[in-house]
Amino acid sequence: MTTEKTILGIVPGLQATALVGENLKLFKNKGKGKFTQKKFVKTGVTNLVGIGMIGATSKLINDLP
């Protein structure tokens, strides 16, 4: 495994951490009465797109020589 591939292997983990942070923002605001269906749907769409992006990124990294 090359150094570049090792360093790039961190990227999907960072993307997943950012996605968790977005999810926590939703539930952090829930207690303040700012929880709306629009925010809930937006977070769901963000999760669907984000998970796909993380999967594609990790596949590209694994395919590196």
C-alpha atoms as a PDB file:
ATOM      1  CA  MET A   1       0.000   0.000   0.000  1.00  0.00           C
ATOM      2  CA  THR A   2       1.409   3.332  -1.029  1.00  0.00           C
ATOM      3  CA  THR A   3       1.651   6.373   1.185  1.00  0.00           C
ATOM      4  CA  GLU A   4      -0.851   8.246  -0.987  1.00  0.00           C
ATOM      5  CA  LYS A   5      -3.411   5.469  -0.699  1.00  0.00           C
ATOM      6  CA  THR A   6      -2.910   5.314   3.055  1.00  0.00           C
ATOM      7  CA  ILE A   7      -3.486   9.044   3.411  1.00  0.00           C
ATOM      8  CA  LEU A   8      -6.486   8.974   1.058  1.00  0.00           C
ATOM      9  CA  GLY A   9      -7.949   6.123   3.108  1.00  0.00           C
ATOM     10  CA  ILE A  10      -8.739   8.692   5.791  1.00  0.00           C
ATOM     11  CA  VAL A  11     -11.058  10.654   3.483  1.00  0.00           C
ATOM     12  CA  PRO A  12     -14.159   8.377   3.729  1.00  0.00           C
ATOM     13  CA  GLY A  13     -13.891   8.485   7.513  1.00  0.00           C
ATOM     14  CA  LEU A  14     -13.798  12.263   7.473  1.00  0.00           C
ATOM     15  CA  GLN A  15     -16.799  12.368   5.153  1.00  0.00           C
ATOM     16  CA  ALA A  16     -18.725  10.041   7.461  1.00  0.00           C
ATOM     17  CA  THR A  17     -17.833  12.206  10.451  1.00  0.00           C
ATOM     18  CA  ALA A  18     -19.157  15.289   8.654  1.00  0.00           C
ATOM     19  CA  LEU A  19     -22.380  13.440   7.862  1.00  0.00           C
ATOM     20  CA  VAL A  20     -22.827  12.490  11.514  1.00  0.00           C
ATOM     21  CA  GLY A  21     -22.267  16.145  12.410  1.00  0.00           C
ATOM     22  CA  GLU A  22     -25.106  17.164  10.085  1.00  0.00           C
ATOM     23  CA  ASN A  23     -27.378  14.589  11.726  1.00  0.00           C
ATOM     24  CA  LEU A  24     -26.524  15.833  15.187  1.00  0.00           C
ATOM     25  CA  LYS A  25     -27.407  19.387  14.184  1.00  0.00           C
ATOM     26  CA  LEU A  26     -30.942  18.223  13.413  1.00  0.00           C
ATOM     27  CA  PHE A  27     -31.476  16.626  16.806  1.00  0.00           C
ATOM     28  CA  LYS A  28     -29.705  19.416  18.642  1.00  0.00           C
ATOM     29  CA  ASN A  29     -32.311  21.837  17.283  1.00  0.00           C
ATOM     30  CA  LYS A  30     -35.188  19.454  18.075  1.00  0.00           C
ATOM     31  CA  GLY A  31     -35.198  20.438  21.731  1.00  0.00           C
ATOM     32  CA  LYS A  32     -35.394  24.146  20.889  1.00  0.00           C
ATOM     33  CA  GLY A  33     -38.680  23.831  18.990  1.00  0.00           C
ATOM     34  CA  LYS A  34     -37.006  24.493  15.632  1.00  0.00           C
ATOM     35  CA  PHE A  35     -37.634  20.963  14.369  1.00  0.00           C
ATOM     36  CA  THR A  36     -39.601  21.039  11.117  1.00  0.00           C
ATOM     37  CA  GLN A  37     -40.516  18.459   8.537  1.00  0.00           C
ATOM     38  CA  LYS A  38     -38.534  20.392   5.944  1.00  0.00           C
ATOM     39  CA  LYS A  39     -35.331  20.076   7.995  1.00  0.00           C
ATOM     40  CA  PHE A  40     -36.031  16.400   8.592  1.00  0.00           C
ATOM     41  CA  VAL A  41     -36.486  15.696   4.856  1.00  0.00           C
ATOM     42  CA  LYS A  42     -33.423  17.785   3.990  1.00  0.00           C
ATOM     43  CA  THR A  43     -31.320  15.775   6.432  1.00  0.00           C
ATOM     44  CA  GLY A  44     -32.659  12.517   4.987  1.00  0.00           C
ATOM     45  CA  VAL A  45     -31.755  13.566   1.461  1.00  0.00           C
ATOM     46  CA  THR A  46     -28.331  14.687   2.669  1.00  0.00           C
ATOM     47  CA  ASN A  47     -27.817  11.235   4.193  1.00  0.00           C
ATOM     48  CA  LEU A  48     -28.857   9.410   1.029  1.00  0.00           C
ATOM     49  CA  VAL A  49     -26.567  11.490  -1.162  1.00  0.00           C
ATOM     50  CA  GLY A  50     -23.751  11.527   1.392  1.00  0.00           C
ATOM     51  CA  ILE A  51     -23.694   7.765   1.827  1.00  0.00           C
ATOM     52  CA  GLY A  52     -23.544   7.309  -1.939  1.00  0.00           C
ATOM     53  CA  MET A  53     -20.686   9.792  -2.188  1.00  0.00           C
ATOM     54  CA  ILE A  54     -18.755   8.069   0.590  1.00  0.00           C
ATOM     55  CA  GLY A  55     -19.196   4.708  -1.146  1.00  0.00           C
ATOM     56  CA  ALA A  56     -18.039   6.089  -4.487  1.00  0.00           C
ATOM     57  CA  THR A  57     -15.040   7.802  -2.900  1.00  0.00           C
ATOM     58  CA  SER A  58     -13.918   4.675  -1.070  1.00  0.00           C
ATOM     59  CA  LYS A  59     -14.278   2.606  -4.263  1.00  0.00           C
ATOM     60  CA  LEU A  60     -12.098   5.073  -6.170  1.00  0.00           C
ATOM     61  CA  ILE A  61      -9.480   5.000  -3.442  1.00  0.00           C
ATOM     62  CA  ASN A  62      -9.469   1.189  -3.331  1.00  0.00           C
ATOM     63  CA  ASP A  63      -9.045   1.009  -7.112  1.00  0.00           C
ATOM     64  CA  LEU A  64      -5.817   3.037  -6.984  1.00  0.00           C
ATOM     65  CA  PRO A  65      -2.707   1.028  -7.840  1.00  0.00           C
END
